[in-house]
N, C-alpha and C. Protein backbone atom coordinates (compact mmCIF):
# COMPACT_ATOMS: atom_id res chain seq x y z
N ASP A 1 1.04 -1.19 0.26
CA ASP A 1 -0.12 0.04 -0.08
C ASP A 1 0.64 1.15 0.38
N ARG A 2 0.65 2.09 -0.87
CA ARG A 2 1.46 3.27 -1.15
C ARG A 2 0.64 4.41 -0.84
N SER A 3 -0.25 4.45 0.18
CA SER A 3 -0.86 5.58 0.35
C SER A 3 0.09 6.76 1.48
N ILE A 4 -0.36 7.77 0.69
CA ILE A 4 0.65 8.95 1.55
C ILE A 4 -0.33 9.46 2.86
N ARG A 5 0.59 8.90 4.44
CA ARG A 5 -0.11 9.31 5.45
C ARG A 5 0.36 10.21 5.99
N SER A 6 1.28 11.41 5.45
CA SER A 6 1.89 11.89 6.25
C SER A 6 2.55 13.34 5.16
N PHE A 7 2.82 14.35 5.81
CA PHE A 7 3.38 15.53 5.17
C PHE A 7 4.87 14.73 4.54
N SER A 8 5.47 14.43 5.40
CA SER A 8 6.97 14.02 4.91
C SER A 8 6.80 12.85 3.68
N GLY A 9 5.77 12.14 3.66
CA GLY A 9 5.56 10.95 2.73
C GLY A 9 4.96 11.67 1.45
N LEU A 10 3.97 12.55 1.87
CA LEU A 10 3.66 13.52 0.29
C LEU A 10 5.02 14.24 -0.07
N TYR A 11 5.91 14.68 0.42
CA TYR A 11 7.39 15.18 -0.07
C TYR A 11 7.80 14.39 -0.56
N ALA A 12 8.02 12.94 -0.03
CA ALA A 12 9.15 12.19 -0.76
C ALA A 12 8.20 11.66 -2.04
N ALA A 13 6.82 11.88 -2.05
CA ALA A 13 6.33 11.28 -3.36
C ALA A 13 6.63 12.20 -4.37
N LEU A 14 6.54 13.67 -3.99
CA LEU A 14 6.67 14.70 -4.81
C LEU A 14 7.86 15.02 -5.46
N VAL A 15 8.55 14.66 -4.37
CA VAL A 15 10.20 14.46 -5.21
C VAL A 15 10.71 13.37 -6.18
N GLU A 16 10.02 12.68 -5.89
CA GLU A 16 10.33 11.47 -6.49
C GLU A 16 9.43 11.55 -7.93
N ARG A 17 8.28 12.18 -7.65
CA ARG A 17 7.44 12.53 -9.54
C ARG A 17 8.53 13.36 -10.12
N LYS A 18 9.09 14.17 -9.50
CA LYS A 18 9.46 15.69 -10.16
C LYS A 18 11.04 14.99 -10.62
N LEU A 19 11.44 13.90 -10.09
CA LEU A 19 12.78 13.47 -10.45
C LEU A 19 12.35 12.44 -11.63
N THR A 20 11.47 12.06 -11.54
CA THR A 20 10.69 10.93 -12.78
C THR A 20 10.71 11.71 -13.97
N PHE A 21 10.09 13.21 -13.89
CA PHE A 21 9.47 13.58 -15.08
C PHE A 21 9.94 15.12 -15.36
N GLN A 22 11.45 15.26 -14.76
CA GLN A 22 12.33 16.22 -15.39
C GLN A 22 12.76 16.87 -16.84
N ASP A 23 12.66 15.53 -17.46
CA ASP A 23 13.40 15.55 -18.73
C ASP A 23 11.81 15.46 -20.25
N GLY A 24 10.58 15.62 -19.26
CA GLY A 24 9.47 16.05 -19.93
C GLY A 24 9.07 14.29 -20.48
N TRP A 25 9.56 13.50 -19.78
CA TRP A 25 8.69 12.11 -19.87
C TRP A 25 7.65 11.81 -19.27
N LEU A 26 6.87 11.39 -20.11
CA LEU A 26 5.28 10.68 -19.31
C LEU A 26 4.95 9.16 -19.56
N PRO A 27 4.53 8.54 -18.56
CA PRO A 27 4.16 7.54 -18.51
C PRO A 27 2.48 7.23 -19.41
N PRO A 28 2.89 5.88 -20.05
CA PRO A 28 1.46 6.19 -20.76
C PRO A 28 0.35 5.97 -20.20
N VAL A 29 -1.00 6.25 -20.67
CA VAL A 29 -2.54 6.57 -19.96
C VAL A 29 -2.95 5.49 -19.92
N VAL A 30 -4.03 5.58 -18.75
CA VAL A 30 -4.56 4.12 -18.40
C VAL A 30 -5.68 3.94 -19.78
N GLY A 31 -5.78 2.73 -20.13
CA GLY A 31 -6.27 2.58 -21.27
C GLY A 31 -5.03 2.12 -22.92
N GLU A 32 -4.03 3.17 -22.83
CA GLU A 32 -3.01 2.93 -23.73
C GLU A 32 -2.63 1.92 -24.31
N LEU A 33 -2.47 1.52 -25.73
CA LEU A 33 -2.09 0.04 -25.51
C LEU A 33 -0.43 0.35 -25.74
N VAL A 34 0.32 -0.83 -25.07
CA VAL A 34 1.93 -1.13 -25.23
C VAL A 34 1.98 -2.55 -25.39
N LYS A 35 3.29 -2.90 -25.78
CA LYS A 35 3.72 -3.99 -25.88
C LYS A 35 5.03 -4.19 -25.10
N VAL A 36 5.14 -5.37 -24.64
CA VAL A 36 5.50 -5.60 -23.40
C VAL A 36 6.36 -7.17 -23.52
N ARG A 37 7.61 -7.00 -23.15
CA ARG A 37 8.37 -8.50 -23.17
C ARG A 37 8.03 -9.32 -22.45
N VAL A 38 7.82 -10.46 -23.03
CA VAL A 38 7.24 -11.70 -22.17
C VAL A 38 8.27 -12.99 -22.80
N ASP A 39 8.88 -13.60 -21.77
CA ASP A 39 9.90 -14.53 -21.92
C ASP A 39 9.45 -16.03 -21.25
N VAL A 40 9.86 -16.26 -22.49
CA VAL A 40 9.03 -17.85 -22.46
C VAL A 40 10.12 -18.76 -22.53
N PRO A 41 9.84 -19.92 -21.50
CA PRO A 41 10.94 -20.61 -21.62
C PRO A 41 11.14 -21.48 -22.69
N CYS A 42 12.74 -21.52 -22.97
CA CYS A 42 13.69 -22.15 -24.02
C CYS A 42 12.40 -21.59 -25.30
N GLU A 43 12.12 -20.36 -25.51
CA GLU A 43 12.06 -20.04 -26.62
C GLU A 43 12.80 -18.17 -26.51
N MET A 44 12.52 -17.84 -27.74
CA MET A 44 12.92 -16.52 -27.94
C MET A 44 11.95 -15.21 -27.20
N PRO A 45 12.12 -14.30 -26.32
CA PRO A 45 11.39 -13.65 -25.60
C PRO A 45 10.18 -12.93 -26.75
N GLN A 46 8.84 -12.72 -26.64
CA GLN A 46 7.88 -12.15 -27.27
C GLN A 46 7.40 -10.74 -27.08
N TRP A 47 7.24 -10.17 -28.00
CA TRP A 47 6.62 -8.81 -27.58
C TRP A 47 5.01 -8.81 -27.83
N LYS A 48 4.26 -8.83 -26.72
CA LYS A 48 2.89 -8.93 -26.78
C LYS A 48 2.22 -7.47 -26.26
N ALA A 49 1.15 -7.62 -27.15
CA ALA A 49 0.26 -6.33 -26.93
C ALA A 49 -0.62 -6.34 -25.77
N ALA A 50 -0.40 -5.01 -24.58
CA ALA A 50 -0.93 -5.16 -23.23
C ALA A 50 -1.75 -3.75 -23.38
N LYS A 51 -2.60 -3.80 -22.28
CA LYS A 51 -3.55 -2.33 -22.32
C LYS A 51 -3.02 -2.09 -20.61
N VAL A 52 -2.49 -0.41 -20.72
CA VAL A 52 -2.63 0.05 -19.36
C VAL A 52 -3.53 0.09 -18.57
N ARG A 53 -3.85 -0.41 -16.99
CA ARG A 53 -4.57 -0.63 -16.31
C ARG A 53 -4.78 0.45 -15.13
N ARG A 54 -3.09 0.79 -14.90
CA ARG A 54 -3.45 1.78 -13.59
C ARG A 54 -2.27 2.59 -13.67
N VAL A 55 -1.73 3.82 -13.09
CA VAL A 55 -0.54 4.62 -13.29
C VAL A 55 -0.83 5.04 -12.13
N ARG A 56 0.65 4.94 -11.78
CA ARG A 56 0.95 5.81 -10.15
C ARG A 56 1.59 7.12 -10.54
N ALA A 57 1.79 8.10 -9.47
CA ALA A 57 2.01 9.52 -9.54
C ALA A 57 3.57 9.44 -9.83
N GLU A 58 4.06 8.53 -9.35
CA GLU A 58 5.51 8.27 -9.56
C GLU A 58 5.85 7.59 -11.09
N GLY A 59 5.30 7.19 -11.95
CA GLY A 59 5.65 6.80 -12.77
C GLY A 59 5.54 5.34 -13.64
N PHE A 60 4.97 4.44 -12.45
CA PHE A 60 4.88 3.46 -12.50
C PHE A 60 3.74 3.04 -13.00
N PHE A 61 3.67 2.16 -14.16
CA PHE A 61 2.07 1.53 -14.88
C PHE A 61 2.02 -0.05 -14.40
N LEU A 62 1.13 -0.57 -14.41
CA LEU A 62 0.49 -2.12 -14.73
C LEU A 62 -0.44 -2.04 -15.78
N ALA A 63 0.05 -2.93 -16.84
CA ALA A 63 -0.62 -3.62 -18.06
C ALA A 63 -1.01 -5.20 -17.93
N CYS A 64 -1.95 -5.06 -18.60
CA CYS A 64 -2.43 -6.43 -18.73
C CYS A 64 -2.50 -6.98 -20.18
N LEU A 65 -2.17 -8.46 -20.35
CA LEU A 65 -2.15 -8.71 -21.69
C LEU A 65 -3.54 -8.89 -22.46
N LEU A 66 -3.41 -8.56 -23.77
CA LEU A 66 -4.47 -8.18 -24.21
C LEU A 66 -5.38 -9.96 -24.56
N ASP A 67 -4.23 -11.20 -25.10
CA ASP A 67 -4.83 -12.31 -25.55
C ASP A 67 -4.56 -13.16 -24.65
N GLU A 68 -4.06 -13.26 -23.06
CA GLU A 68 -3.82 -13.96 -22.28
C GLU A 68 -4.75 -14.28 -21.11
N PRO A 69 -6.19 -14.50 -21.12
CA PRO A 69 -6.83 -14.42 -19.97
C PRO A 69 -6.52 -15.49 -19.08
N ASN A 70 -6.60 -15.62 -17.80
CA ASN A 70 -6.10 -16.49 -16.63
C ASN A 70 -7.46 -17.20 -16.77
N GLU A 71 -7.51 -18.07 -15.51
CA GLU A 71 -8.37 -19.36 -15.48
C GLU A 71 -9.31 -18.74 -15.23
N ARG A 72 -9.73 -17.28 -14.72
CA ARG A 72 -11.15 -16.96 -14.36
C ARG A 72 -11.68 -16.26 -15.32
N GLY A 73 -11.12 -16.01 -16.24
CA GLY A 73 -11.38 -15.49 -17.66
C GLY A 73 -11.17 -13.97 -17.66
N ASP A 74 -10.32 -13.44 -16.56
CA ASP A 74 -9.48 -12.13 -16.57
C ASP A 74 -8.71 -12.21 -17.13
N GLU A 75 -8.08 -10.95 -17.38
CA GLU A 75 -7.06 -10.35 -17.67
C GLU A 75 -5.70 -10.73 -17.02
N THR A 76 -4.86 -11.02 -17.62
CA THR A 76 -3.28 -11.09 -16.76
C THR A 76 -2.60 -10.28 -16.83
N PRO A 77 -2.76 -9.76 -14.99
CA PRO A 77 -1.85 -8.47 -14.72
C PRO A 77 -0.21 -9.16 -15.12
N LEU A 78 0.37 -7.90 -15.32
CA LEU A 78 1.93 -8.20 -15.48
C LEU A 78 2.48 -7.29 -14.16
N ASN A 79 3.89 -7.39 -14.35
CA ASN A 79 4.62 -6.87 -13.40
C ASN A 79 4.20 -5.03 -13.52
N TRP A 80 4.67 -4.05 -12.79
CA TRP A 80 5.03 -2.86 -12.60
C TRP A 80 6.07 -2.23 -13.63
N PHE A 81 5.67 -1.41 -14.84
CA PHE A 81 6.77 -1.05 -15.43
C PHE A 81 7.30 0.61 -15.05
N THR A 82 8.35 0.51 -14.95
CA THR A 82 8.48 2.04 -15.20
C THR A 82 9.28 2.80 -16.32
N LYS A 83 9.96 4.27 -16.46
CA LYS A 83 10.66 4.82 -17.19
C LYS A 83 12.01 4.12 -17.66
N SER A 84 12.75 3.24 -16.56
CA SER A 84 13.88 2.72 -17.08
C SER A 84 14.00 1.47 -17.71
N THR A 85 12.32 0.86 -17.70
CA THR A 85 12.48 -0.36 -18.16
C THR A 85 11.92 0.02 -19.66
N GLU A 86 11.41 0.95 -20.22
CA GLU A 86 11.10 1.48 -21.58
C GLU A 86 12.24 1.30 -22.29
N GLY A 87 11.97 0.47 -23.46
CA GLY A 87 12.93 -0.01 -24.69
C GLY A 87 13.28 -1.48 -24.48
N THR A 88 13.25 -2.02 -23.23
CA THR A 88 13.79 -3.22 -22.76
C THR A 88 12.89 -4.08 -22.36
N GLN A 89 12.09 -3.73 -21.62
CA GLN A 89 10.66 -4.59 -20.95
C GLN A 89 9.09 -3.83 -21.87
N TRP A 90 9.25 -3.18 -22.11
CA TRP A 90 7.87 -2.37 -22.48
C TRP A 90 8.48 -1.44 -23.75
N ILE A 91 7.46 -1.61 -24.63
CA ILE A 91 7.75 -0.29 -25.80
C ILE A 91 6.21 0.58 -26.50
N ARG A 92 6.65 1.82 -26.51
CA ARG A 92 5.34 2.29 -26.76
C ARG A 92 4.53 2.34 -28.21
N LEU A 93 3.32 2.15 -28.71
CA LEU A 93 2.83 1.66 -30.35
C LEU A 93 2.76 3.30 -30.59
N PRO A 94 2.94 3.48 -31.49
CA PRO A 94 2.70 4.89 -32.35
C PRO A 94 1.37 4.99 -32.43
N LYS A 95 0.89 6.34 -32.12
CA LYS A 95 -0.65 6.65 -32.02
C LYS A 95 -0.74 7.07 -33.46
N LEU A 96 -2.48 6.38 -33.45
CA LEU A 96 -2.65 6.56 -34.94
C LEU A 96 -2.60 7.89 -35.25
N ASN A 97 -2.80 9.37 -34.52
CA ASN A 97 -2.76 10.46 -34.99
C ASN A 97 -1.36 10.90 -34.90
N GLU A 98 -0.74 10.41 -35.03
CA GLU A 98 0.56 10.96 -34.91
C GLU A 98 1.74 10.36 -35.88
N PRO A 99 2.53 11.21 -36.44
CA PRO A 99 2.91 10.93 -37.80
C PRO A 99 4.31 9.95 -37.35
N THR A 100 4.66 9.33 -38.09
CA THR A 100 5.85 8.46 -37.83
C THR A 100 7.49 9.43 -37.41
N GLN A 101 7.27 9.85 -38.45
CA GLN A 101 8.33 11.04 -38.63
C GLN A 101 7.67 12.07 -38.98
N PRO A 102 8.88 13.37 -38.79
CA PRO A 102 8.25 14.69 -38.62
C PRO A 102 8.09 14.99 -40.14
N SER A 103 7.35 15.63 -40.51
CA SER A 103 7.12 16.08 -42.00
C SER A 103 7.73 17.47 -42.14
N GLU A 104 8.11 17.54 -43.22
CA GLU A 104 9.12 18.65 -43.92
C GLU A 104 7.59 19.64 -44.15
N VAL A 105 8.23 21.23 -43.70
CA VAL A 105 7.43 22.05 -44.45
C VAL A 105 8.05 22.58 -45.80
N LYS A 106 7.48 22.74 -46.78
CA LYS A 106 7.89 22.85 -48.02
C LYS A 106 7.76 24.36 -48.28
N ASP A 107 8.78 24.84 -48.65
CA ASP A 107 8.33 26.56 -49.25
C ASP A 107 7.82 26.82 -50.43
N SER A 108 6.48 27.00 -50.70
CA SER A 108 5.73 27.31 -52.29
C SER A 108 6.03 28.02 -53.02
N SER A 109 6.83 29.55 -52.44
CA SER A 109 7.08 30.76 -52.77
C SER A 109 7.92 30.36 -54.19
N PRO A 110 7.88 31.60 -55.11
CA PRO A 110 9.00 31.44 -56.31
C PRO A 110 10.17 31.59 -56.53
């Protein structure tokens, strides 16, 4: 339980948040799709689609695999992911409305 129960706890959480986001990095938002690395014994690691279910103020987030429900039919929650594991344990998917490469502005003057 990471509830803040004192002013010193609040201060520590705010300092951790400032250090995490000082370079402009933001965690994925709840509902966003990401790909997570799944290690399968005796096989190469696989990248599988997952949906972000929870995001903490410090930037940690929990994602659930989309294609592997557990024995009760629920989503399979994975570990908490962080900024430091982006690119090795999880990757962002390009958003539909974002260009994949910056477009060049061409001058149409003669």
